[in-house]
Protein backbone atom coordinates (compact mmCIF):
# COMPACT_ATOMS: atom_id res chain seq x y z
CA MET A 1 -13.48 9.17 -30.93
CA LEU A 2 -13.00 11.58 -27.99
CA GLN A 3 -13.17 10.15 -24.49
CA MET A 4 -15.97 11.58 -22.33
CA ALA A 5 -15.04 12.69 -18.82
CA VAL A 6 -16.99 12.67 -15.55
CA ARG A 7 -16.20 14.07 -12.12
CA ALA A 8 -13.96 11.80 -10.04
CA GLU A 9 -16.28 11.90 -7.01
CA GLN A 10 -19.10 10.46 -9.14
CA ARG A 11 -17.09 7.33 -9.94
CA VAL A 12 -15.92 6.45 -6.41
CA GLY A 13 -16.67 2.80 -5.67
CA GLN A 14 -17.28 2.02 -9.34
CA PRO A 15 -15.14 0.06 -11.83
CA VAL A 16 -12.83 2.09 -14.06
CA LEU A 17 -10.78 1.03 -17.07
CA PRO A 18 -7.50 2.19 -18.61
CA GLY A 19 -8.18 5.23 -20.79
CA ASP A 20 -11.11 6.52 -18.72
CA VAL A 21 -10.87 10.26 -18.04
CA LEU A 22 -11.89 11.85 -14.75
CA LEU A 23 -12.36 15.53 -13.93
CA MET A 24 -10.85 16.92 -10.76
CA PRO A 25 -13.30 17.56 -7.88
CA LEU A 26 -15.08 20.92 -7.66
CA GLN A 27 -14.56 23.37 -4.84
CA GLU A 28 -17.09 22.86 -2.05
CA GLY A 29 -20.36 24.67 -2.72
CA GLU A 30 -19.93 24.87 -6.48
CA GLN A 31 -22.29 22.98 -8.74
CA GLU A 32 -21.77 22.08 -12.35
CA GLU A 33 -24.47 22.90 -14.82
CA GLU A 34 -26.45 19.93 -16.08
CA GLU A 35 -25.41 20.57 -19.67
CA ASN A 36 -21.76 20.13 -18.64
CA SER A 37 -22.25 16.71 -16.98
CA ALA A 38 -20.59 14.96 -19.93
CA LEU A 39 -17.71 17.26 -20.83
CA LEU A 40 -15.08 16.23 -23.35
CA ALA A 41 -11.71 15.46 -21.82
CA LEU A 42 -10.06 18.15 -23.98
CA ARG A 43 -12.39 20.86 -22.73
CA VAL A 44 -11.46 22.76 -19.55
CA PRO A 45 -14.50 23.53 -17.34
CA SER A 46 -15.05 27.05 -15.99
CA GLN A 47 -15.53 25.99 -12.35
CA THR A 48 -12.68 26.14 -9.87
CA ARG A 49 -11.37 22.63 -9.23
CA LEU A 50 -9.37 21.27 -6.34
CA ARG A 51 -5.89 19.89 -6.87
CA MET A 52 -6.24 16.13 -6.76
CA THR A 53 -3.69 13.75 -5.25
CA CYS A 54 -3.34 10.75 -7.56
CA GLY A 55 -2.39 7.37 -6.17
CA PRO A 56 -1.67 4.10 -8.00
CA GLY A 57 -3.61 3.68 -11.25
CA LEU A 58 -4.12 7.39 -11.95
CA ARG A 59 -2.09 10.04 -13.78
CA GLN A 60 -2.80 13.76 -14.03
CA ARG A 61 -3.07 15.18 -17.54
CA GLY A 62 -3.73 18.90 -17.62
CA GLY A 63 -7.07 19.63 -15.99
CA SER A 64 -8.13 15.99 -15.98
CA VAL A 65 -6.94 12.62 -14.66
CA LEU A 66 -6.26 9.55 -16.80
CA VAL A 67 -6.94 6.04 -15.51
CA THR A 68 -3.98 3.73 -16.25
CA ARG A 69 -5.19 0.42 -14.78
CA SER A 70 -8.48 -1.38 -14.29
CA GLY A 71 -10.06 -1.68 -10.86
CA ILE A 72 -12.29 0.13 -8.38
CA LEU A 73 -11.87 3.88 -7.91
CA CYS A 74 -11.26 4.69 -4.23
CA HIS A 75 -11.22 7.98 -2.35
CA ARG A 76 -9.84 9.24 0.95
CA ILE A 77 -10.58 12.66 2.41
CA PRO A 78 -9.73 15.28 1.36
CA VAL A 79 -8.70 14.69 -2.28
CA LEU A 80 -6.72 11.44 -2.47
CA TYR A 81 -7.88 9.09 -5.23
CA TRP A 82 -6.47 5.75 -6.39
CA VAL A 83 -7.48 2.59 -8.25
CA ASP A 84 -7.74 -0.59 -6.17
CA SER A 85 -6.71 -3.40 -8.51
CA GLN A 86 -5.53 -6.99 -8.23
CA GLN A 87 -2.13 -6.59 -9.84
CA LYS A 88 0.24 -9.52 -9.39
CA ARG A 89 3.60 -7.77 -9.27
CA TYR A 90 4.37 -4.91 -6.92
CA VAL A 91 5.53 -1.65 -8.49
CA PRO A 92 7.60 0.47 -6.07
CA VAL A 93 6.02 3.79 -5.08
CA LYS A 94 7.84 6.60 -3.28
CA GLY A 95 6.75 6.69 0.35
CA ASP A 96 5.56 3.08 0.50
CA HIS A 97 6.63 1.01 3.51
CA VAL A 98 7.66 -2.49 2.41
CA ILE A 99 9.16 -5.71 3.73
CA GLY A 100 12.36 -6.66 1.94
CA ILE A 101 14.81 -9.56 2.05
CA VAL A 102 18.52 -8.74 2.01
CA THR A 103 20.09 -10.69 -0.85
CA ALA A 104 23.63 -9.32 -1.08
CA LYS A 105 26.20 -6.86 0.24
CA SER A 106 27.85 -4.68 -2.37
CA GLY A 107 30.37 -2.26 -0.87
CA ASP A 108 28.45 0.21 1.27
CA VAL A 109 25.08 -0.84 -0.11
CA PHE A 110 22.79 -3.78 0.59
CA LYS A 111 20.68 -5.27 -2.20
CA VAL A 112 17.12 -5.96 -1.12
CA ASP A 113 14.44 -8.07 -2.80
CA VAL A 114 11.11 -6.20 -2.52
CA GLY A 115 9.12 -8.35 -4.94
CA GLY A 116 9.39 -5.90 -7.84
CA SER A 117 10.99 -6.21 -11.25
CA GLU A 118 14.39 -5.18 -9.82
CA GLN A 119 16.07 -5.16 -6.45
CA ALA A 120 16.26 -2.05 -4.29
CA SER A 121 19.40 -0.56 -2.76
CA LEU A 122 19.77 0.17 0.95
CA SER A 123 22.74 2.16 2.26
CA TYR A 124 24.33 1.07 5.53
CA LEU A 125 23.97 4.72 6.63
CA ALA A 126 20.18 4.53 6.22
CA PHE A 127 19.76 3.03 9.72
CA GLU A 128 19.27 4.84 13.01
CA GLY A 129 22.60 5.57 14.69
CA ALA A 130 24.66 4.20 11.79
CA THR A 131 28.03 5.80 11.03
CA LYS A 132 31.11 4.80 9.07
CA ARG A 133 32.56 3.31 12.27
CA ASN A 134 29.28 2.01 13.70
CA ARG A 135 27.82 -0.11 10.92
CA PRO A 136 24.47 -1.88 11.37
CA ASN A 137 24.47 -5.64 11.82
CA VAL A 138 22.69 -6.70 8.63
CA GLN A 139 23.20 -10.15 7.13
CA VAL A 140 22.13 -11.75 3.87
CA GLY A 141 18.70 -13.30 4.42
CA ASP A 142 17.59 -10.76 7.03
CA LEU A 143 14.16 -9.16 6.79
CA VAL A 144 14.06 -5.37 6.74
CA TYR A 145 11.12 -3.01 7.02
CA GLY A 146 11.84 0.21 5.15
CA GLN A 147 10.46 3.06 3.11
CA PHE A 148 11.09 4.03 -0.51
CA VAL A 149 12.73 7.42 -0.99
CA VAL A 150 13.43 6.84 -4.69
CA ALA A 151 11.01 4.94 -6.90
CA ASN A 152 10.63 5.76 -10.58
CA LYS A 153 11.15 4.07 -13.91
CA ASP A 154 14.46 5.83 -14.60
CA MET A 155 16.31 5.08 -11.35
CA GLU A 156 17.04 2.09 -9.14
CA PRO A 157 14.61 1.89 -6.20
CA GLU A 158 16.18 3.09 -2.96
CA LEU A 159 15.12 2.17 0.57
CA VAL A 160 15.84 3.76 3.94
CA CYS A 161 15.12 2.53 7.47
CA ILE A 162 14.88 6.00 9.06
CA ASP A 163 12.52 8.95 8.75
CA SER A 164 13.47 12.52 7.83
CA CYS A 165 14.65 13.09 11.43
CA GLY A 166 16.95 10.07 11.40
CA ARG A 167 14.74 7.94 13.67
CA ALA A 168 13.86 4.30 13.01
CA VAL A 169 10.16 4.62 14.02
CA GLY A 170 9.68 0.87 13.72
CA MET A 171 11.84 0.36 10.63
CA GLY A 172 14.98 -1.73 10.37
CA VAL A 173 15.96 -5.40 10.67
CA PHE A 174 13.33 -7.62 12.27
CA GLY A 175 11.70 -11.04 12.20
CA HIS A 176 14.35 -13.50 13.36
CA GLU A 177 11.36 -15.63 14.36
CA GLY A 178 7.76 -15.64 13.15
CA LEU A 179 6.28 -16.33 9.72
CA LEU A 180 6.61 -14.36 6.48
CA PHE A 181 3.98 -14.96 3.81
CA LYS A 182 2.73 -13.25 0.66
CA VAL A 183 -0.79 -11.98 -0.02
CA SER A 184 -2.47 -9.92 -2.72
CA LEU A 185 -1.96 -6.17 -2.79
CA GLY A 186 -5.72 -5.79 -2.46
CA LEU A 187 -5.70 -7.61 0.89
CA VAL A 188 -2.87 -5.39 2.13
CA ARG A 189 -4.89 -2.27 1.40
CA LYS A 190 -7.91 -3.87 3.07
CA LEU A 191 -5.93 -4.61 6.24
CA LEU A 192 -4.44 -1.10 6.35
CA ALA A 193 -7.66 0.76 5.57
CA PRO A 194 -8.50 3.37 8.26
CA GLN A 195 -11.92 1.81 8.83
CA GLY A 196 -10.53 -1.73 8.78
CA GLU A 197 -11.02 -3.72 11.97
CA ILE A 198 -9.66 -7.12 10.95
CA ILE A 199 -6.38 -6.90 12.86
CA GLN A 200 -8.02 -5.46 15.98
CA GLU A 201 -10.71 -8.15 16.01
CA LEU A 202 -8.21 -10.95 15.46
CA GLY A 203 -5.92 -9.58 18.16
CA LYS A 204 -8.66 -10.08 20.73
CA ILE A 205 -8.54 -13.83 20.04
CA TYR A 206 -4.81 -14.43 19.51
CA PRO A 207 -2.36 -11.75 20.70
CA PHE A 208 0.25 -11.39 17.97
CA GLU A 209 2.82 -9.09 16.40
CA ILE A 210 2.41 -8.10 12.77
CA VAL A 211 4.32 -6.17 10.12
CA ILE A 212 2.53 -5.37 6.85
CA GLY A 213 4.37 -4.29 3.71
CA MET A 214 2.69 -2.49 0.84
CA ASN A 215 4.48 -4.96 -1.45
CA GLY A 216 2.17 -7.79 -0.40
CA ARG A 217 4.35 -9.33 2.31
CA ILE A 218 3.13 -9.88 5.86
CA TRP A 219 5.11 -11.08 8.88
CA VAL A 220 3.30 -12.38 11.96
CA LYS A 221 4.37 -13.89 15.27
CA ALA A 222 2.01 -15.24 17.93
CA LYS A 223 2.70 -17.01 21.24
CA THR A 224 3.08 -20.43 19.63
CA THR A 225 3.84 -21.78 16.17
CA GLN A 226 0.31 -23.18 15.93
CA GLN A 227 -1.26 -19.81 16.74
CA THR A 228 1.05 -18.10 14.25
CA LEU A 229 -0.13 -20.43 11.47
CA ILE A 230 -3.78 -19.93 12.46
CA VAL A 231 -3.41 -16.14 12.36
CA ALA A 232 -1.75 -16.28 8.94
CA ASN A 233 -4.47 -18.55 7.53
CA ILE A 234 -7.25 -16.34 8.90
CA LEU A 235 -5.69 -13.19 7.44
CA GLU A 236 -5.40 -14.83 4.01
CA ALA A 237 -9.03 -16.01 4.18
CA CYS A 238 -10.29 -12.52 5.10
CA GLU A 239 -9.66 -11.29 1.55
CA HIS A 240 -12.81 -13.00 0.26
CA MET A 241 -14.96 -12.77 3.40
CA THR A 242 -17.79 -10.35 4.02
CA ALA A 243 -17.94 -8.55 7.37
CA GLU A 244 -20.67 -10.93 8.55
CA GLN A 245 -18.71 -14.03 7.53
CA ARG A 246 -15.65 -12.68 9.30
CA LYS A 247 -17.59 -12.16 12.53
CA GLN A 248 -18.82 -15.75 12.41
CA VAL A 249 -15.30 -17.12 11.92
CA PHE A 250 -13.87 -14.96 14.71
CA ALA A 251 -16.70 -15.98 17.05
CA LYS A 252 -15.98 -19.66 16.35
CA PHE A 253 -12.29 -19.32 17.21
CA SER A 254 -13.12 -17.20 20.25
CA ASP A 255 -15.45 -19.93 21.57
CA ASN A 256 -12.75 -22.55 21.05
CA MET A 257 -10.34 -20.51 23.18
CA MET A 258 -12.69 -20.66 26.19
């Protein structure tokens, strides 16, 4: 039986399943005819369609997009689509910023645990200002915040702690104090969402530093150990809170600070 396809913009915010087929968005101002609202996936529509940027959970297939994991279809302007799912293990994605733990030194390369199925490699030259004579001070057990430049099923994941201009821009070794804890990937996306206000609201109660990795790891540091633990517990609880429930919790802690 052939899979029926619908326009991607019509499924935003709705559950999707592996095997579902989505059509790429139409150019602005174009309308599809009513008789074509349930096109077969193998049929190419006549309208001009935008090129669609596929995030996790989606794969382009000709003029359509195939869903590869179950979850909620999400969209970000202009044409970025992805599936928000509660997967347990992180799968490295090129461009993702993650928190890793240095596990070993192997020649000129550090091995870093990023929570995936295999460890990532990190060259000693992938730090700002690093040269063959000026090596970075990285020890086993250190936390590093880096970005994937290689991440596919055929090659070992590779991290760097500099951007394309050779600058650290916040990446590198960090977190000699503070608390590292693991959360769901769904909560990470919720905290990093452009319209998300959780971190800003919480920062008004307890000033703190935070580093969020797309691999489900979060590092926080507040003024005291007690405040650090409170911030971590609140962040974890926010995953299942509504906006109204969150406001009530924040108001309670704010009153206690007075």
